[in-house]
Amino acid sequence: MKILKFGAVWCPGCLVMSKTWSTLTSEYDLDIENYDIDYDEEVCEKWNVDDTLPVYIFLDKNGNEIERLIGEKSITELKKIIEENKDK
């Protein structure tokens, strides 16, 4: 599983979630790609991401989207998605 994280330096929700993702990366071996919507316009267009942030897209091994989350999420919710999809 790969996780695409979309955010921006001016996004308050993205800053709040950074601590959550720090905790998750210490607990799980996650393949995460970070994108800033102000600089990575092509990737944002490809994945249909606008300025409603943060956005987390979970991909399976074939690069297919299996889950998309928008906004601040609890660590419990993120762990559940990671556990359910970590072998995909």
PDB file of N, CA and C in Angstrom:
ATOM      1  N   MET A   1       0.841  -1.171   0.000  1.00  0.00           N
ATOM      2  CA  MET A   1       0.000   0.000   0.000  1.00  0.00           C
ATOM      3  C   MET A   1       0.890   1.239   0.000  1.00  0.00           C
ATOM      4  N   LYS A   2       0.449   2.226  -0.764  1.00  0.00           N
ATOM      5  CA  LYS A   2       1.124   3.517  -0.807  1.00  0.00           C
ATOM      6  C   LYS A   2       0.106   4.571  -0.396  1.00  0.00           C
ATOM      7  N   ILE A   3       0.588   5.626   0.247  1.00  0.00           N
ATOM      8  CA  ILE A   3      -0.278   6.722   0.671  1.00  0.00           C
ATOM      9  C   ILE A   3       0.230   8.008   0.032  1.00  0.00           C
ATOM     10  N   LEU A   4      -0.686   8.694  -0.653  1.00  0.00           N
ATOM     11  CA  LEU A   4      -0.389  10.008  -1.200  1.00  0.00           C
ATOM     12  C   LEU A   4      -0.987  11.037  -0.250  1.00  0.00           C
ATOM     13  N   LYS A   5      -0.143  11.929   0.238  1.00  0.00           N
ATOM     14  CA  LYS A   5      -0.600  12.980   1.153  1.00  0.00           C
ATOM     15  C   LYS A   5      -0.509  14.316   0.427  1.00  0.00           C
ATOM     16  N   PHE A   6      -1.642  15.014   0.361  1.00  0.00           N
ATOM     17  CA  PHE A   6      -1.688  16.320  -0.279  1.00  0.00           C
ATOM     18  C   PHE A   6      -1.958  17.377   0.777  1.00  0.00           C
ATOM     19  N   GLY A   7      -1.166  18.437   0.749  1.00  0.00           N
ATOM     20  CA  GLY A   7      -1.323  19.497   1.720  1.00  0.00           C
ATOM     21  C   GLY A   7      -0.710  20.787   1.214  1.00  0.00           C
ATOM     22  N   ALA A   8      -0.531  21.730   2.120  1.00  0.00           N
ATOM     23  CA  ALA A   8       0.104  23.011   1.819  1.00  0.00           C
ATOM     24  C   ALA A   8       0.639  23.599   3.120  1.00  0.00           C
ATOM     25  N   VAL A   9       1.648  24.441   2.997  1.00  0.00           N
ATOM     26  CA  VAL A   9       2.246  25.024   4.195  1.00  0.00           C
ATOM     27  C   VAL A   9       1.276  25.932   4.936  1.00  0.00           C
ATOM     28  N   TRP A  10       0.304  26.493   4.239  1.00  0.00           N
ATOM     29  CA  TRP A  10      -0.665  27.408   4.847  1.00  0.00           C
ATOM     30  C   TRP A  10      -1.888  26.684   5.420  1.00  0.00           C
ATOM     31  N   CYS A  11      -1.944  25.365   5.324  1.00  0.00           N
ATOM     32  CA  CYS A  11      -3.114  24.572   5.721  1.00  0.00           C
ATOM     33  C   CYS A  11      -3.049  24.211   7.210  1.00  0.00           C
ATOM     34  N   PRO A  12      -3.946  24.771   8.048  1.00  0.00           N
ATOM     35  CA  PRO A  12      -3.927  24.447   9.478  1.00  0.00           C
ATOM     36  C   PRO A  12      -4.172  22.967   9.760  1.00  0.00           C
ATOM     37  N   GLY A  13      -5.088  22.349   9.033  1.00  0.00           N
ATOM     38  CA  GLY A  13      -5.375  20.923   9.227  1.00  0.00           C
ATOM     39  C   GLY A  13      -4.167  20.050   8.920  1.00  0.00           C
ATOM     40  N   CYS A  14      -3.398  20.458   7.926  1.00  0.00           N
ATOM     41  CA  CYS A  14      -2.193  19.705   7.557  1.00  0.00           C
ATOM     42  C   CYS A  14      -1.169  19.748   8.695  1.00  0.00           C
ATOM     43  N   LEU A  15      -1.048  20.916   9.322  1.00  0.00           N
ATOM     44  CA  LEU A  15      -0.115  21.054  10.444  1.00  0.00           C
ATOM     45  C   LEU A  15      -0.558  20.204  11.630  1.00  0.00           C
ATOM     46  N   VAL A  16      -1.859  20.212  11.910  1.00  0.00           N
ATOM     47  CA  VAL A  16      -2.393  19.398  13.005  1.00  0.00           C
ATOM     48  C   VAL A  16      -2.113  17.917  12.750  1.00  0.00           C
ATOM     49  N   MET A  17      -2.286  17.485  11.509  1.00  0.00           N
ATOM     50  CA  MET A  17      -2.142  16.072  11.166  1.00  0.00           C
ATOM     51  C   MET A  17      -0.683  15.614  11.100  1.00  0.00           C
ATOM     52  N   SER A  18       0.252  16.533  11.026  1.00  0.00           N
ATOM     53  CA  SER A  18       1.659  16.129  10.906  1.00  0.00           C
ATOM     54  C   SER A  18       2.109  15.298  12.106  1.00  0.00           C
ATOM     55  N   LYS A  19       1.654  15.629  13.300  1.00  0.00           N
ATOM     56  CA  LYS A  19       2.019  14.849  14.491  1.00  0.00           C
ATOM     57  C   LYS A  19       1.415  13.443  14.420  1.00  0.00           C
ATOM     58  N   THR A  20       0.180  13.357  13.956  1.00  0.00           N
ATOM     59  CA  THR A  20      -0.480  12.056  13.805  1.00  0.00           C
ATOM     60  C   THR A  20       0.297  11.177  12.843  1.00  0.00           C
ATOM     61  N   TRP A  21       0.692  11.745  11.703  1.00  0.00           N
ATOM     62  CA  TRP A  21       1.447  10.964  10.715  1.00  0.00           C
ATOM     63  C   TRP A  21       2.826  10.589  11.245  1.00  0.00           C
ATOM     64  N   SER A  22       3.420  11.442  12.064  1.00  0.00           N
ATOM     65  CA  SER A  22       4.710  11.106  12.685  1.00  0.00           C
ATOM     66  C   SER A  22       4.569   9.870  13.555  1.00  0.00           C
ATOM     67  N   THR A  23       3.505   9.824  14.331  1.00  0.00           N
ATOM     68  CA  THR A  23       3.236   8.666  15.184  1.00  0.00           C
ATOM     69  C   THR A  23       3.011   7.421  14.340  1.00  0.00           C
ATOM     70  N   LEU A  24       2.225   7.552  13.279  1.00  0.00           N
ATOM     71  CA  LEU A  24       1.925   6.394  12.425  1.00  0.00           C
ATOM     72  C   LEU A  24       3.173   5.860  11.729  1.00  0.00           C
ATOM     73  N   THR A  25       4.040   6.744  11.268  1.00  0.00           N
ATOM     74  CA  THR A  25       5.247   6.274  10.586  1.00  0.00           C
ATOM     75  C   THR A  25       6.222   5.607  11.548  1.00  0.00           C
ATOM     76  N   SER A  26       6.114   5.915  12.836  1.00  0.00           N
ATOM     77  CA  SER A  26       6.965   5.223  13.802  1.00  0.00           C
ATOM     78  C   SER A  26       6.406   3.838  14.141  1.00  0.00           C
ATOM     79  N   GLU A  27       5.108   3.647  13.938  1.00  0.00           N
ATOM     80  CA  GLU A  27       4.469   2.359  14.236  1.00  0.00           C
ATOM     81  C   GLU A  27       4.375   1.428  13.028  1.00  0.00           C
ATOM     82  N   TYR A  28       4.303   1.994  11.834  1.00  0.00           N
ATOM     83  CA  TYR A  28       4.119   1.205  10.616  1.00  0.00           C
ATOM     84  C   TYR A  28       5.200   1.554   9.604  1.00  0.00           C
ATOM     85  N   ASP A  29       5.512   0.599   8.751  1.00  0.00           N
ATOM     86  CA  ASP A  29       6.424   0.838   7.643  1.00  0.00           C
ATOM     87  C   ASP A  29       5.574   1.324   6.471  1.00  0.00           C
ATOM     88  N   LEU A  30       5.422   2.651   6.366  1.00  0.00           N
ATOM     89  CA  LEU A  30       4.520   3.231   5.387  1.00  0.00           C
ATOM     90  C   LEU A  30       5.286   3.813   4.206  1.00  0.00           C
ATOM     91  N   ASP A  31       4.744   3.602   3.018  1.00  0.00           N
ATOM     92  CA  ASP A  31       5.265   4.202   1.793  1.00  0.00           C
ATOM     93  C   ASP A  31       4.406   5.437   1.524  1.00  0.00           C
ATOM     94  N   ILE A  32       4.941   6.615   1.875  1.00  0.00           N
ATOM     95  CA  ILE A  32       4.179   7.855   1.778  1.00  0.00           C
ATOM     96  C   ILE A  32       4.863   8.808   0.808  1.00  0.00           C
ATOM     97  N   GLU A  33       4.051   9.387  -0.083  1.00  0.00           N
ATOM     98  CA  GLU A  33       4.524  10.446  -0.962  1.00  0.00           C
ATOM     99  C   GLU A  33       3.786  11.721  -0.574  1.00  0.00           C
ATOM    100  N   ASN A  34       4.533  12.786  -0.321  1.00  0.00           N
ATOM    101  CA  ASN A  34       3.949  14.070   0.086  1.00  0.00           C
ATOM    102  C   ASN A  34       3.932  15.038  -1.085  1.00  0.00           C
ATOM    103  N   TYR A  35       2.799  15.720  -1.252  1.00  0.00           N
ATOM    104  CA  TYR A  35       2.655  16.694  -2.323  1.00  0.00           C
ATOM    105  C   TYR A  35       2.088  17.991  -1.764  1.00  0.00           C
ATOM    106  N   ASP A  36       2.612  19.098  -2.251  1.00  0.00           N
ATOM    107  CA  ASP A  36       2.130  20.426  -1.889  1.00  0.00           C
ATOM    108  C   ASP A  36       1.302  20.939  -3.066  1.00  0.00           C
ATOM    109  N   ILE A  37       0.046  21.279  -2.806  1.00  0.00           N
ATOM    110  CA  ILE A  37      -0.830  21.667  -3.915  1.00  0.00           C
ATOM    111  C   ILE A  37      -0.369  22.938  -4.616  1.00  0.00           C
ATOM    112  N   ASP A  38       0.454  23.734  -3.957  1.00  0.00           N
ATOM    113  CA  ASP A  38       0.953  24.954  -4.576  1.00  0.00           C
ATOM    114  C   ASP A  38       2.110  24.696  -5.539  1.00  0.00           C
ATOM    115  N   TYR A  39       2.734  23.542  -5.449  1.00  0.00           N
ATOM    116  CA  TYR A  39       3.906  23.248  -6.274  1.00  0.00           C
ATOM    117  C   TYR A  39       3.755  22.000  -7.143  1.00  0.00           C
ATOM    118  N   ASP A  40       2.907  21.094  -6.778  1.00  0.00           N
ATOM    119  CA  ASP A  40       2.772  19.822  -7.495  1.00  0.00           C
ATOM    120  C   ASP A  40       1.441  19.765  -8.247  1.00  0.00           C
ATOM    121  N   GLU A  41       1.240  20.759  -9.115  1.00  0.00           N
ATOM    122  CA  GLU A  41      -0.039  20.911  -9.801  1.00  0.00           C
ATOM    123  C   GLU A  41      -0.401  19.718 -10.684  1.00  0.00           C
ATOM    124  N   GLU A  42       0.569  19.157 -11.392  1.00  0.00           N
ATOM    125  CA  GLU A  42       0.276  18.018 -12.280  1.00  0.00           C
ATOM    126  C   GLU A  42      -0.247  16.817 -11.501  1.00  0.00           C
ATOM    127  N   VAL A  43       0.382  16.519 -10.378  1.00  0.00           N
ATOM    128  CA  VAL A  43      -0.039  15.381  -9.557  1.00  0.00           C
ATOM    129  C   VAL A  43      -1.428  15.657  -8.978  1.00  0.00           C
ATOM    130  N   CYS A  44      -1.663  16.888  -8.562  1.00  0.00           N
ATOM    131  CA  CYS A  44      -2.982  17.247  -8.020  1.00  0.00           C
ATOM    132  C   CYS A  44      -4.066  17.087  -9.083  1.00  0.00           C
ATOM    133  N   GLU A  45      -3.776  17.513 -10.297  1.00  0.00           N
ATOM    134  CA  GLU A  45      -4.742  17.346 -11.385  1.00  0.00           C
ATOM    135  C   GLU A  45      -5.002  15.869 -11.661  1.00  0.00           C
ATOM    136  N   LYS A  46      -3.933  15.091 -11.707  1.00  0.00           N
ATOM    137  CA  LYS A  46      -4.072  13.658 -11.979  1.00  0.00           C
ATOM    138  C   LYS A  46      -4.997  12.988 -10.963  1.00  0.00           C
ATOM    139  N   TRP A  47      -4.871  13.358  -9.692  1.00  0.00           N
ATOM    140  CA  TRP A  47      -5.642  12.722  -8.624  1.00  0.00           C
ATOM    141  C   TRP A  47      -6.876  13.531  -8.225  1.00  0.00           C
ATOM    142  N   ASN A  48      -7.168  14.582  -8.991  1.00  0.00           N
ATOM    143  CA  ASN A  48      -8.367  15.397  -8.766  1.00  0.00           C
ATOM    144  C   ASN A  48      -8.416  15.962  -7.338  1.00  0.00           C
ATOM    145  N   VAL A  49      -7.307  16.584  -6.937  1.00  0.00           N
ATOM    146  CA  VAL A  49      -7.199  17.192  -5.614  1.00  0.00           C
ATOM    147  C   VAL A  49      -7.237  18.704  -5.776  1.00  0.00           C
ATOM    148  N   ASP A  50      -8.131  19.362  -5.020  1.00  0.00           N
ATOM    149  CA  ASP A  50      -8.202  20.819  -5.061  1.00  0.00           C
ATOM    150  C   ASP A  50      -7.677  21.386  -3.742  1.00  0.00           C
ATOM    151  N   ASP A  51      -8.169  22.540  -3.340  1.00  0.00           N
ATOM    152  CA  ASP A  51      -7.635  23.162  -2.130  1.00  0.00           C
ATOM    153  C   ASP A  51      -8.422  22.818  -0.867  1.00  0.00           C
ATOM    154  N   THR A  52      -9.240  21.781  -0.900  1.00  0.00           N
ATOM    155  CA  THR A  52      -9.876  21.258   0.306  1.00  0.00           C
ATOM    156  C   THR A  52      -8.901  20.258   0.908  1.00  0.00           C
ATOM    157  N   LEU A  53      -8.220  20.665   1.960  1.00  0.00           N
ATOM    158  CA  LEU A  53      -7.090  19.902   2.490  1.00  0.00           C
ATOM    159  C   LEU A  53      -7.281  19.557   3.960  1.00  0.00           C
ATOM    160  N   PRO A  54      -6.473  18.632   4.442  1.00  0.00           N
ATOM    161  CA  PRO A  54      -5.578  17.721   3.728  1.00  0.00           C
ATOM    162  C   PRO A  54      -6.354  16.605   3.027  1.00  0.00           C
ATOM    163  N   VAL A  55      -5.673  15.976   2.064  1.00  0.00           N
ATOM    164  CA  VAL A  55      -6.236  14.844   1.333  1.00  0.00           C
ATOM    165  C   VAL A  55      -5.248  13.686   1.438  1.00  0.00           C
ATOM    166  N   TYR A  56      -5.786  12.503   1.741  1.00  0.00           N
ATOM    167  CA  TYR A  56      -4.972  11.292   1.831  1.00  0.00           C
ATOM    168  C   TYR A  56      -5.582  10.260   0.897  1.00  0.00           C
ATOM    169  N   ILE A  57      -4.768   9.784  -0.041  1.00  0.00           N
ATOM    170  CA  ILE A  57      -5.235   8.767  -0.982  1.00  0.00           C
ATOM    171  C   ILE A  57      -4.424   7.504  -0.742  1.00  0.00           C
ATOM    172  N   PHE A  58      -5.119   6.423  -0.455  1.00  0.00           N
ATOM    173  CA  PHE A  58      -4.497   5.129  -0.205  1.00  0.00           C
ATOM    174  C   PHE A  58      -4.567   4.316  -1.496  1.00  0.00           C
ATOM    175  N   LEU A  59      -3.414   3.798  -1.924  1.00  0.00           N
ATOM    176  CA  LEU A  59      -3.335   3.038  -3.171  1.00  0.00           C
ATOM    177  C   LEU A  59      -2.929   1.602  -2.894  1.00  0.00           C
ATOM    178  N   ASP A  60      -3.449   0.681  -3.711  1.00  0.00           N
ATOM    179  CA  ASP A  60      -3.003  -0.706  -3.602  1.00  0.00           C
ATOM    180  C   ASP A  60      -1.689  -0.879  -4.365  1.00  0.00           C
ATOM    181  N   LYS A  61      -1.174  -2.092  -4.397  1.00  0.00           N
ATOM    182  CA  LYS A  61       0.121  -2.367  -5.036  1.00  0.00           C
ATOM    183  C   LYS A  61       0.131  -2.051  -6.517  1.00  0.00           C
ATOM    184  N   ASN A  62      -1.059  -2.043  -7.135  1.00  0.00           N
ATOM    185  CA  ASN A  62      -1.171  -1.755  -8.566  1.00  0.00           C
ATOM    186  C   ASN A  62      -1.404  -0.271  -8.846  1.00  0.00           C
ATOM    187  N   GLY A  63      -1.424   0.543  -7.800  1.00  0.00           N
ATOM    188  CA  GLY A  63      -1.626   1.973  -7.971  1.00  0.00           C
ATOM    189  C   GLY A  63      -3.082   2.392  -8.071  1.00  0.00           C
ATOM    190  N   ASN A  64      -3.990   1.489  -7.723  1.00  0.00           N
ATOM    191  CA  ASN A  64      -5.408   1.801  -7.748  1.00  0.00           C
ATOM    192  C   ASN A  64      -5.844   2.396  -6.416  1.00  0.00           C
ATOM    193  N   GLU A  65      -6.692   3.402  -6.486  1.00  0.00           N
ATOM    194  CA  GLU A  65      -7.190   4.049  -5.275  1.00  0.00           C
ATOM    195  C   GLU A  65      -8.122   3.101  -4.523  1.00  0.00           C
ATOM    196  N   ILE A  66      -7.824   2.916  -3.227  1.00  0.00           N
ATOM    197  CA  ILE A  66      -8.684   2.057  -2.406  1.00  0.00           C
ATOM    198  C   ILE A  66      -9.409   2.852  -1.316  1.00  0.00           C
ATOM    199  N   GLU A  67      -8.916   4.054  -1.035  1.00  0.00           N
ATOM    200  CA  GLU A  67      -9.554   4.884  -0.006  1.00  0.00           C
ATOM    201  C   GLU A  67      -9.085   6.319  -0.205  1.00  0.00           C
ATOM    202  N   ARG A  68     -10.001   7.274   0.039  1.00  0.00           N
ATOM    203  CA  ARG A  68      -9.655   8.701  -0.020  1.00  0.00           C
ATOM    204  C   ARG A  68     -10.271   9.373   1.200  1.00  0.00           C
ATOM    205  N   LEU A  69      -9.437  10.106   1.924  1.00  0.00           N
ATOM    206  CA  LEU A  69      -9.902  10.843   3.096  1.00  0.00           C
ATOM    207  C   LEU A  69      -9.606  12.319   2.895  1.00  0.00           C
ATOM    208  N   ILE A  70     -10.540  13.154   3.305  1.00  0.00           N
ATOM    209  CA  ILE A  70     -10.362  14.598   3.196  1.00  0.00           C
ATOM    210  C   ILE A  70     -10.583  15.203   4.576  1.00  0.00           C
ATOM    211  N   GLY A  71      -9.643  16.040   4.989  1.00  0.00           N
ATOM    212  CA  GLY A  71      -9.765  16.716   6.271  1.00  0.00           C
ATOM    213  C   GLY A  71      -9.018  15.991   7.377  1.00  0.00           C
ATOM    214  N   GLU A  72      -9.102  16.575   8.564  1.00  0.00           N
ATOM    215  CA  GLU A  72      -8.434  15.991   9.726  1.00  0.00           C
ATOM    216  C   GLU A  72      -9.123  14.691  10.124  1.00  0.00           C
ATOM    217  N   LYS A  73      -8.336  13.677  10.438  1.00  0.00           N
ATOM    218  CA  LYS A  73      -8.853  12.366  10.834  1.00  0.00           C
ATOM    219  C   LYS A  73      -8.175  11.928  12.123  1.00  0.00           C
ATOM    220  N   SER A  74      -8.862  11.091  12.852  1.00  0.00           N
ATOM    221  CA  SER A  74      -8.291  10.584  14.100  1.00  0.00           C
ATOM    222  C   SER A  74      -7.251   9.515  13.788  1.00  0.00           C
ATOM    223  N   ILE A  75      -6.328   9.342  14.714  1.00  0.00           N
ATOM    224  CA  ILE A  75      -5.322   8.305  14.545  1.00  0.00           C
ATOM    225  C   ILE A  75      -5.984   6.927  14.512  1.00  0.00           C
ATOM    226  N   THR A  76      -7.064   6.764  15.244  1.00  0.00           N
ATOM    227  CA  THR A  76      -7.793   5.493  15.254  1.00  0.00           C
ATOM    228  C   THR A  76      -8.348   5.174  13.875  1.00  0.00           C
ATOM    229  N   GLU A  77      -8.938   6.166  13.218  1.00  0.00           N
ATOM    230  CA  GLU A  77      -9.489   5.960  11.876  1.00  0.00           C
ATOM    231  C   GLU A  77      -8.393   5.614  10.873  1.00  0.00           C
ATOM    232  N   LEU A  78      -7.272   6.311  10.964  1.00  0.00           N
ATOM    233  CA  LEU A  78      -6.165   6.045  10.043  1.00  0.00           C
ATOM    234  C   LEU A  78      -5.567   4.658  10.279  1.00  0.00           C
ATOM    235  N   LYS A  79      -5.408   4.281  11.547  1.00  0.00           N
ATOM    236  CA  LYS A  79      -4.874   2.948  11.860  1.00  0.00           C
ATOM    237  C   LYS A  79      -5.789   1.856  11.299  1.00  0.00           C
ATOM    238  N   LYS A  80      -7.086   2.050  11.410  1.00  0.00           N
ATOM    239  CA  LYS A  80      -8.045   1.065  10.906  1.00  0.00           C
ATOM    240  C   LYS A  80      -7.869   0.882   9.400  1.00  0.00           C
ATOM    241  N   ILE A  81      -7.751   1.970   8.665  1.00  0.00           N
ATOM    242  CA  ILE A  81      -7.573   1.889   7.212  1.00  0.00           C
ATOM    243  C   ILE A  81      -6.239   1.230   6.879  1.00  0.00           C
ATOM    244  N   ILE A  82      -5.190   1.595   7.599  1.00  0.00           N
ATOM    245  CA  ILE A  82      -3.871   0.994   7.357  1.00  0.00           C
ATOM    246  C   ILE A  82      -3.913  -0.504   7.620  1.00  0.00           C
ATOM    247  N   GLU A  83      -4.484  -0.898   8.740  1.00  0.00           N
ATOM    248  CA  GLU A  83      -4.566  -2.327   9.077  1.00  0.00           C
ATOM    249  C   GLU A  83      -5.373  -3.107   8.041  1.00  0.00           C
ATOM    250  N   GLU A  84      -6.493  -2.549   7.618  1.00  0.00           N
ATOM    251  CA  GLU A  84      -7.356  -3.239   6.653  1.00  0.00           C
ATOM    252  C   GLU A  84      -6.715  -3.375   5.276  1.00  0.00           C
ATOM    253  N   ASN A  85      -5.801  -2.480   4.945  1.00  0.00           N
ATOM    254  CA  ASN A  85      -5.272  -2.438   3.585  1.00  0.00           C
ATOM    255  C   ASN A  85      -3.780  -2.647   3.454  1.00  0.00           C
ATOM    256  N   LYS A  86      -3.073  -2.909   4.546  1.00  0.00           N
ATOM    257  CA  LYS A  86      -1.603  -2.936   4.505  1.00  0.00           C
ATOM    258  C   LYS A  86      -1.031  -4.009   3.585  1.00  0.00           C
ATOM    259  N   ASP A  87      -1.776  -5.054   3.308  1.00  0.00           N
ATOM    260  CA  ASP A  87      -1.282  -6.122   2.432  1.00  0.00           C
ATOM    261  C   ASP A  87      -1.771  -5.986   1.001  1.00  0.00           C
ATOM    262  N   LYS A  88      -2.463  -4.908   0.713  1.00  0.00           N
ATOM    263  CA  LYS A  88      -3.008  -4.724  -0.647  1.00  0.00           C
ATOM    264  C   LYS A  88      -2.012  -4.040  -1.533  1.00  0.00           C
TER     265      LYS A  88
END
